[in-house]
Amino acid sequence: MPVLPALRNAYPGANDDELVLRGFFKGAQVDQMLAAQPMSLVYQFQRDLSGLVKRLVGLSESGRVALSTAGLEFAWQR
C-alpha cells in the first residue's frame, strides 16, 4: 500500500507538513512535537540595558563596541 494515501486516511485533518513528519517519525513523536510550545525568540533582559552596554565597553580593549545586524548598527565608544 502506498504510504501517502494510508497517512491521509489515518490523519484526515493533517496538512502535508504533518503527513511528511508522520511518514518519517513513528509512534507519538509527531504528537509530542505538535503539542510542544514554540521556542521563544525574544530575550527578556534581567538587567538594565545601559548597564550591560557600559560593562561591554569596559571589557573592550579599544573602548569601542559595535553590534550590527541587517540594516541596523549600534556603536559605543568610551
PDB file of N, CA and C in Angstrom:
ATOM      1  N   MET A   1       0.846  -1.180   0.000  1.00  0.00           N
ATOM      2  CA  MET A   1       0.000   0.000   0.000  1.00  0.00           C
ATOM      3  C   MET A   1       0.891   1.242   0.000  1.00  0.00           C
ATOM      4  N   PRO A   2       0.640   2.214  -0.869  1.00  0.00           N
ATOM      5  CA  PRO A   2       1.420   3.452  -0.863  1.00  0.00           C
ATOM      6  C   PRO A   2       1.267   4.184   0.472  1.00  0.00           C
ATOM      7  N   VAL A   3       2.347   4.780   0.925  1.00  0.00           N
ATOM      8  CA  VAL A   3       2.380   5.392   2.253  1.00  0.00           C
ATOM      9  C   VAL A   3       1.499   6.633   2.349  1.00  0.00           C
ATOM     10  N   LEU A   4       1.569   7.541   1.381  1.00  0.00           N
ATOM     11  CA  LEU A   4       0.831   8.802   1.477  1.00  0.00           C
ATOM     12  C   LEU A   4      -0.684   8.605   1.577  1.00  0.00           C
ATOM     13  N   PRO A   5      -1.306   7.793   0.729  1.00  0.00           N
ATOM     14  CA  PRO A   5      -2.752   7.588   0.896  1.00  0.00           C
ATOM     15  C   PRO A   5      -3.103   6.979   2.256  1.00  0.00           C
ATOM     16  N   ALA A   6      -2.274   6.079   2.740  1.00  0.00           N
ATOM     17  CA  ALA A   6      -2.533   5.482   4.055  1.00  0.00           C
ATOM     18  C   ALA A   6      -2.441   6.542   5.154  1.00  0.00           C
ATOM     19  N   LEU A   7      -1.458   7.437   5.056  1.00  0.00           N
ATOM     20  CA  LEU A   7      -1.330   8.513   6.043  1.00  0.00           C
ATOM     21  C   LEU A   7      -2.510   9.481   5.959  1.00  0.00           C
ATOM     22  N   ARG A   8      -2.943   9.784   4.734  1.00  0.00           N
ATOM     23  CA  ARG A   8      -4.098  10.684   4.583  1.00  0.00           C
ATOM     24  C   ARG A   8      -5.358  10.067   5.196  1.00  0.00           C
ATOM     25  N   ASN A   9      -5.512   8.770   5.058  1.00  0.00           N
ATOM     26  CA  ASN A   9      -6.664   8.084   5.663  1.00  0.00           C
ATOM     27  C   ASN A   9      -6.556   8.061   7.181  1.00  0.00           C
ATOM     28  N   ALA A  10      -5.358   7.848   7.691  1.00  0.00           N
ATOM     29  CA  ALA A  10      -5.155   7.756   9.137  1.00  0.00           C
ATOM     30  C   ALA A  10      -5.266   9.115   9.817  1.00  0.00           C
ATOM     31  N   TYR A  11      -4.867  10.193   9.122  1.00  0.00           N
ATOM     32  CA  TYR A  11      -4.861  11.551   9.683  1.00  0.00           C
ATOM     33  C   TYR A  11      -5.554  12.500   8.702  1.00  0.00           C
ATOM     34  N   PRO A  12      -6.882  12.429   8.604  1.00  0.00           N
ATOM     35  CA  PRO A  12      -7.595  13.203   7.578  1.00  0.00           C
ATOM     36  C   PRO A  12      -7.480  14.726   7.746  1.00  0.00           C
ATOM     37  N   GLY A  13      -7.239  15.219   8.945  1.00  0.00           N
ATOM     38  CA  GLY A  13      -7.142  16.661   9.152  1.00  0.00           C
ATOM     39  C   GLY A  13      -5.732  17.208   9.059  1.00  0.00           C
ATOM     40  N   ALA A  14      -4.770  16.332   8.787  1.00  0.00           N
ATOM     41  CA  ALA A  14      -3.367  16.745   8.784  1.00  0.00           C
ATOM     42  C   ALA A  14      -2.998  17.430   7.476  1.00  0.00           C
ATOM     43  N   ASN A  15      -2.139  18.466   7.588  1.00  0.00           N
ATOM     44  CA  ASN A  15      -1.639  19.117   6.367  1.00  0.00           C
ATOM     45  C   ASN A  15      -0.436  18.324   5.830  1.00  0.00           C
ATOM     46  N   ASP A  16       0.083  18.714   4.688  1.00  0.00           N
ATOM     47  CA  ASP A  16       1.181  17.970   4.057  1.00  0.00           C
ATOM     48  C   ASP A  16       2.427  17.916   4.927  1.00  0.00           C
ATOM     49  N   ASP A  17       2.731  19.009   5.643  1.00  0.00           N
ATOM     50  CA  ASP A  17       3.914  19.012   6.511  1.00  0.00           C
ATOM     51  C   ASP A  17       3.793  17.960   7.602  1.00  0.00           C
ATOM     52  N   GLU A  18       2.614  17.892   8.216  1.00  0.00           N
ATOM     53  CA  GLU A  18       2.405  16.901   9.263  1.00  0.00           C
ATOM     54  C   GLU A  18       2.478  15.481   8.697  1.00  0.00           C
ATOM     55  N   LEU A  19       1.936  15.280   7.517  1.00  0.00           N
ATOM     56  CA  LEU A  19       1.981  13.943   6.907  1.00  0.00           C
ATOM     57  C   LEU A  19       3.414  13.510   6.615  1.00  0.00           C
ATOM     58  N   VAL A  20       4.247  14.449   6.165  1.00  0.00           N
ATOM     59  CA  VAL A  20       5.662  14.121   5.928  1.00  0.00           C
ATOM     60  C   VAL A  20       6.324  13.714   7.233  1.00  0.00           C
ATOM     61  N   LEU A  21       6.062  14.484   8.303  1.00  0.00           N
ATOM     62  CA  LEU A  21       6.629  14.125   9.608  1.00  0.00           C
ATOM     63  C   LEU A  21       6.167  12.747  10.049  1.00  0.00           C
ATOM     64  N   ARG A  22       4.889  12.474   9.867  1.00  0.00           N
ATOM     65  CA  ARG A  22       4.357  11.170  10.286  1.00  0.00           C
ATOM     66  C   ARG A  22       4.925  10.027   9.443  1.00  0.00           C
ATOM     67  N   GLY A  23       5.330  10.340   8.221  1.00  0.00           N
ATOM     68  CA  GLY A  23       5.965   9.319   7.390  1.00  0.00           C
ATOM     69  C   GLY A  23       7.373   8.969   7.863  1.00  0.00           C
ATOM     70  N   PHE A  24       8.045   9.923   8.499  1.00  0.00           N
ATOM     71  CA  PHE A  24       9.422   9.699   8.944  1.00  0.00           C
ATOM     72  C   PHE A  24       9.533   9.322  10.414  1.00  0.00           C
ATOM     73  N   PHE A  25       8.619   9.812  11.254  1.00  0.00           N
ATOM     74  CA  PHE A  25       8.693   9.560  12.689  1.00  0.00           C
ATOM     75  C   PHE A  25       7.526   8.697  13.120  1.00  0.00           C
ATOM     76  N   LYS A  26       7.826   7.645  13.812  1.00  0.00           N
ATOM     77  CA  LYS A  26       6.790   6.703  14.241  1.00  0.00           C
ATOM     78  C   LYS A  26       6.364   6.978  15.675  1.00  0.00           C
ATOM     79  N   GLY A  27       5.302   6.351  16.084  1.00  0.00           N
ATOM     80  CA  GLY A  27       4.829   6.467  17.459  1.00  0.00           C
ATOM     81  C   GLY A  27       4.274   7.846  17.751  1.00  0.00           C
ATOM     82  N   ALA A  28       4.508   8.309  18.970  1.00  0.00           N
ATOM     83  CA  ALA A  28       3.933   9.565  19.445  1.00  0.00           C
ATOM     84  C   ALA A  28       4.840  10.767  19.209  1.00  0.00           C
ATOM     85  N   GLN A  29       5.941  10.604  18.490  1.00  0.00           N
ATOM     86  CA  GLN A  29       6.887  11.701  18.313  1.00  0.00           C
ATOM     87  C   GLN A  29       6.251  12.928  17.654  1.00  0.00           C
ATOM     88  N   VAL A  30       5.467  12.743  16.621  1.00  0.00           N
ATOM     89  CA  VAL A  30       4.842  13.879  15.937  1.00  0.00           C
ATOM     90  C   VAL A  30       3.810  14.533  16.852  1.00  0.00           C
ATOM     91  N   ASP A  31       3.042  13.735  17.577  1.00  0.00           N
ATOM     92  CA  ASP A  31       2.074  14.292  18.518  1.00  0.00           C
ATOM     93  C   ASP A  31       2.785  15.138  19.572  1.00  0.00           C
ATOM     94  N   GLN A  32       3.935  14.666  20.043  1.00  0.00           N
ATOM     95  CA  GLN A  32       4.709  15.416  21.036  1.00  0.00           C
ATOM     96  C   GLN A  32       5.247  16.717  20.438  1.00  0.00           C
ATOM     97  N   MET A  33       5.707  16.663  19.187  1.00  0.00           N
ATOM     98  CA  MET A  33       6.206  17.874  18.523  1.00  0.00           C
ATOM     99  C   MET A  33       5.093  18.910  18.379  1.00  0.00           C
ATOM    100  N   LEU A  34       3.920  18.449  17.961  1.00  0.00           N
ATOM    101  CA  LEU A  34       2.799  19.371  17.752  1.00  0.00           C
ATOM    102  C   LEU A  34       2.286  19.938  19.076  1.00  0.00           C
ATOM    103  N   ALA A  35       2.406  19.165  20.148  1.00  0.00           N
ATOM    104  CA  ALA A  35       1.936  19.629  21.456  1.00  0.00           C
ATOM    105  C   ALA A  35       2.929  20.581  22.122  1.00  0.00           C
ATOM    106  N   ALA A  36       4.185  20.535  21.714  1.00  0.00           N
ATOM    107  CA  ALA A  36       5.213  21.387  22.325  1.00  0.00           C
ATOM    108  C   ALA A  36       4.964  22.851  21.977  1.00  0.00           C
ATOM    109  N   GLN A  37       5.311  23.708  22.915  1.00  0.00           N
ATOM    110  CA  GLN A  37       5.187  25.141  22.676  1.00  0.00           C
ATOM    111  C   GLN A  37       6.344  25.605  21.803  1.00  0.00           C
ATOM    112  N   PRO A  38       6.113  26.592  20.944  1.00  0.00           N
ATOM    113  CA  PRO A  38       7.214  27.095  20.125  1.00  0.00           C
ATOM    114  C   PRO A  38       8.270  27.766  20.995  1.00  0.00           C
ATOM    115  N   MET A  39       9.514  27.679  20.553  1.00  0.00           N
ATOM    116  CA  MET A  39      10.614  28.284  21.281  1.00  0.00           C
ATOM    117  C   MET A  39      10.499  29.810  21.220  1.00  0.00           C
ATOM    118  N   SER A  40      10.707  30.447  22.348  1.00  0.00           N
ATOM    119  CA  SER A  40      10.648  31.901  22.386  1.00  0.00           C
ATOM    120  C   SER A  40      11.891  32.481  21.722  1.00  0.00           C
ATOM    121  N   LEU A  41      11.697  33.425  20.824  1.00  0.00           N
ATOM    122  CA  LEU A  41      12.806  34.086  20.143  1.00  0.00           C
ATOM    123  C   LEU A  41      13.063  35.477  20.714  1.00  0.00           C
ATOM    124  N   VAL A  42      12.383  35.794  21.817  1.00  0.00           N
ATOM    125  CA  VAL A  42      12.537  37.091  22.455  1.00  0.00           C
ATOM    126  C   VAL A  42      13.289  36.899  23.758  1.00  0.00           C
ATOM    127  N   TYR A  43      14.360  37.650  23.921  1.00  0.00           N
ATOM    128  CA  TYR A  43      15.137  37.563  25.151  1.00  0.00           C
ATOM    129  C   TYR A  43      14.714  38.674  26.090  1.00  0.00           C
ATOM    130  N   GLN A  44      14.359  38.321  27.298  1.00  0.00           N
ATOM    131  CA  GLN A  44      13.986  39.301  28.310  1.00  0.00           C
ATOM    132  C   GLN A  44      15.218  39.614  29.161  1.00  0.00           C
ATOM    133  N   PHE A  45      15.666  40.864  29.118  1.00  0.00           N
ATOM    134  CA  PHE A  45      16.832  41.259  29.894  1.00  0.00           C
ATOM    135  C   PHE A  45      16.498  41.247  31.374  1.00  0.00           C
ATOM    136  N   GLN A  46      17.396  40.703  32.170  1.00  0.00           N
ATOM    137  CA  GLN A  46      17.223  40.686  33.608  1.00  0.00           C
ATOM    138  C   GLN A  46      17.911  41.884  34.255  1.00  0.00           C
ATOM    139  N   ARG A  47      18.685  42.617  33.473  1.00  0.00           N
ATOM    140  CA  ARG A  47      19.409  43.787  33.967  1.00  0.00           C
ATOM    141  C   ARG A  47      19.104  44.977  33.072  1.00  0.00           C
ATOM    142  N   ASP A  48      19.486  46.135  33.576  1.00  0.00           N
ATOM    143  CA  ASP A  48      19.339  47.367  32.825  1.00  0.00           C
ATOM    144  C   ASP A  48      20.232  47.319  31.588  1.00  0.00           C
ATOM    145  N   LEU A  49      19.690  47.627  30.425  1.00  0.00           N
ATOM    146  CA  LEU A  49      20.441  47.554  29.173  1.00  0.00           C
ATOM    147  C   LEU A  49      21.638  48.499  29.181  1.00  0.00           C
ATOM    148  N   SER A  50      21.474  49.697  29.722  1.00  0.00           N
ATOM    149  CA  SER A  50      22.604  50.642  29.738  1.00  0.00           C
ATOM    150  C   SER A  50      23.752  50.099  30.581  1.00  0.00           C
ATOM    151  N   GLY A  51      23.440  49.403  31.673  1.00  0.00           N
ATOM    152  CA  GLY A  51      24.490  48.788  32.494  1.00  0.00           C
ATOM    153  C   GLY A  51      25.227  47.709  31.729  1.00  0.00           C
ATOM    154  N   LEU A  52      24.512  46.928  30.953  1.00  0.00           N
ATOM    155  CA  LEU A  52      25.147  45.889  30.148  1.00  0.00           C
ATOM    156  C   LEU A  52      26.070  46.483  29.091  1.00  0.00           C
ATOM    157  N   VAL A  53      25.625  47.573  28.461  1.00  0.00           N
ATOM    158  CA  VAL A  53      26.442  48.236  27.444  1.00  0.00           C
ATOM    159  C   VAL A  53      27.704  48.824  28.082  1.00  0.00           C
ATOM    160  N   LYS A  54      27.563  49.477  29.237  1.00  0.00           N
ATOM    161  CA  LYS A  54      28.733  50.030  29.935  1.00  0.00           C
ATOM    162  C   LYS A  54      29.734  48.938  30.271  1.00  0.00           C
ATOM    163  N   ARG A  55      29.248  47.810  30.742  1.00  0.00           N
ATOM    164  CA  ARG A  55      30.140  46.693  31.069  1.00  0.00           C
ATOM    165  C   ARG A  55      30.836  46.166  29.811  1.00  0.00           C
ATOM    166  N   LEU A  56      30.105  46.040  28.730  1.00  0.00           N
ATOM    167  CA  LEU A  56      30.665  45.563  27.472  1.00  0.00           C
ATOM    168  C   LEU A  56      31.756  46.504  26.969  1.00  0.00           C
ATOM    169  N   VAL A  57      31.508  47.797  27.019  1.00  0.00           N
ATOM    170  CA  VAL A  57      32.509  48.780  26.602  1.00  0.00           C
ATOM    171  C   VAL A  57      33.726  48.704  27.519  1.00  0.00           C
ATOM    172  N   GLY A  58      33.483  48.528  28.813  1.00  0.00           N
ATOM    173  CA  GLY A  58      34.586  48.413  29.772  1.00  0.00           C
ATOM    174  C   GLY A  58      35.463  47.203  29.538  1.00  0.00           C
ATOM    175  N   LEU A  59      34.910  46.138  29.003  1.00  0.00           N
ATOM    176  CA  LEU A  59      35.667  44.917  28.718  1.00  0.00           C
ATOM    177  C   LEU A  59      36.451  45.013  27.408  1.00  0.00           C
ATOM    178  N   SER A  60      36.098  45.962  26.564  1.00  0.00           N
ATOM    179  CA  SER A  60      36.744  46.105  25.267  1.00  0.00           C
ATOM    180  C   SER A  60      38.121  46.753  25.429  1.00  0.00           C
ATOM    181  N   GLU A  61      39.144  46.166  24.825  1.00  0.00           N
ATOM    182  CA  GLU A  61      40.494  46.732  24.900  1.00  0.00           C
ATOM    183  C   GLU A  61      40.573  48.081  24.206  1.00  0.00           C
ATOM    184  N   SER A  62      39.845  48.257  23.125  1.00  0.00           N
ATOM    185  CA  SER A  62      39.893  49.516  22.375  1.00  0.00           C
ATOM    186  C   SER A  62      38.918  50.554  22.924  1.00  0.00           C
ATOM    187  N   GLY A  63      37.970  50.119  23.751  1.00  0.00           N
ATOM    188  CA  GLY A  63      36.965  51.045  24.250  1.00  0.00           C
ATOM    189  C   GLY A  63      35.831  51.270  23.266  1.00  0.00           C
ATOM    190  N   ARG A  64      35.847  50.541  22.170  1.00  0.00           N
ATOM    191  CA  ARG A  64      34.803  50.667  21.149  1.00  0.00           C
ATOM    192  C   ARG A  64      34.103  49.325  20.982  1.00  0.00           C
ATOM    193  N   VAL A  65      32.789  49.382  20.909  1.00  0.00           N
ATOM    194  CA  VAL A  65      31.986  48.186  20.711  1.00  0.00           C
ATOM    195  C   VAL A  65      30.951  48.488  19.638  1.00  0.00           C
ATOM    196  N   ALA A  66      30.792  47.594  18.690  1.00  0.00           N
ATOM    197  CA  ALA A  66      29.788  47.751  17.640  1.00  0.00           C
ATOM    198  C   ALA A  66      28.993  46.454  17.527  1.00  0.00           C
ATOM    199  N   LEU A  67      27.689  46.592  17.496  1.00  0.00           N
ATOM    200  CA  LEU A  67      26.782  45.464  17.292  1.00  0.00           C
ATOM    201  C   LEU A  67      25.975  45.767  16.046  1.00  0.00           C
ATOM    202  N   SER A  68      25.877  44.800  15.148  1.00  0.00           N
ATOM    203  CA  SER A  68      25.130  45.068  13.926  1.00  0.00           C
ATOM    204  C   SER A  68      24.382  43.835  13.460  1.00  0.00           C
ATOM    205  N   THR A  69      23.343  44.108  12.706  1.00  0.00           N
ATOM    206  CA  THR A  69      22.561  43.082  12.042  1.00  0.00           C
ATOM    207  C   THR A  69      22.046  43.722  10.751  1.00  0.00           C
ATOM    208  N   ALA A  70      21.344  42.986   9.959  1.00  0.00           N
ATOM    209  CA  ALA A  70      20.884  43.506   8.674  1.00  0.00           C
ATOM    210  C   ALA A  70      20.118  44.814   8.844  1.00  0.00           C
ATOM    211  N   GLY A  71      20.683  45.897   8.342  1.00  0.00           N
ATOM    212  CA  GLY A  71      20.002  47.180   8.343  1.00  0.00           C
ATOM    213  C   GLY A  71      20.025  47.943   9.659  1.00  0.00           C
ATOM    214  N   LEU A  72      20.781  47.455  10.664  1.00  0.00           N
ATOM    215  CA  LEU A  72      20.790  48.116  11.960  1.00  0.00           C
ATOM    216  C   LEU A  72      22.161  47.972  12.595  1.00  0.00           C
ATOM    217  N   GLU A  73      22.714  49.079  13.086  1.00  0.00           N
ATOM    218  CA  GLU A  73      24.024  49.028  13.741  1.00  0.00           C
ATOM    219  C   GLU A  73      24.021  49.962  14.950  1.00  0.00           C
ATOM    220  N   PHE A  74      24.601  49.479  16.036  1.00  0.00           N
ATOM    221  CA  PHE A  74      24.821  50.277  17.222  1.00  0.00           C
ATOM    222  C   PHE A  74      26.318  50.289  17.496  1.00  0.00           C
ATOM    223  N   ALA A  75      26.834  51.460  17.859  1.00  0.00           N
ATOM    224  CA  ALA A  75      28.263  51.568  18.187  1.00  0.00           C
ATOM    225  C   ALA A  75      28.416  52.443  19.429  1.00  0.00           C
ATOM    226  N   TRP A  76      29.306  52.029  20.326  1.00  0.00           N
ATOM    227  CA  TRP A  76      29.593  52.780  21.535  1.00  0.00           C
ATOM    228  C   TRP A  76      31.103  52.935  21.654  1.00  0.00           C
ATOM    229  N   GLN A  77      31.496  54.034  22.262  1.00  0.00           N
ATOM    230  CA  GLN A  77      32.930  54.283  22.451  1.00  0.00           C
ATOM    231  C   GLN A  77      33.097  55.056  23.747  1.00  0.00           C
ATOM    232  N   ARG A  78      34.167  54.705  24.522  1.00  0.00           N
ATOM    233  CA  ARG A  78      34.411  55.479  25.737  1.00  0.00           C
ATOM    234  C   ARG A  78      35.127  56.741  25.405  1.00  0.00           C
TER     235      ARG A  78
END
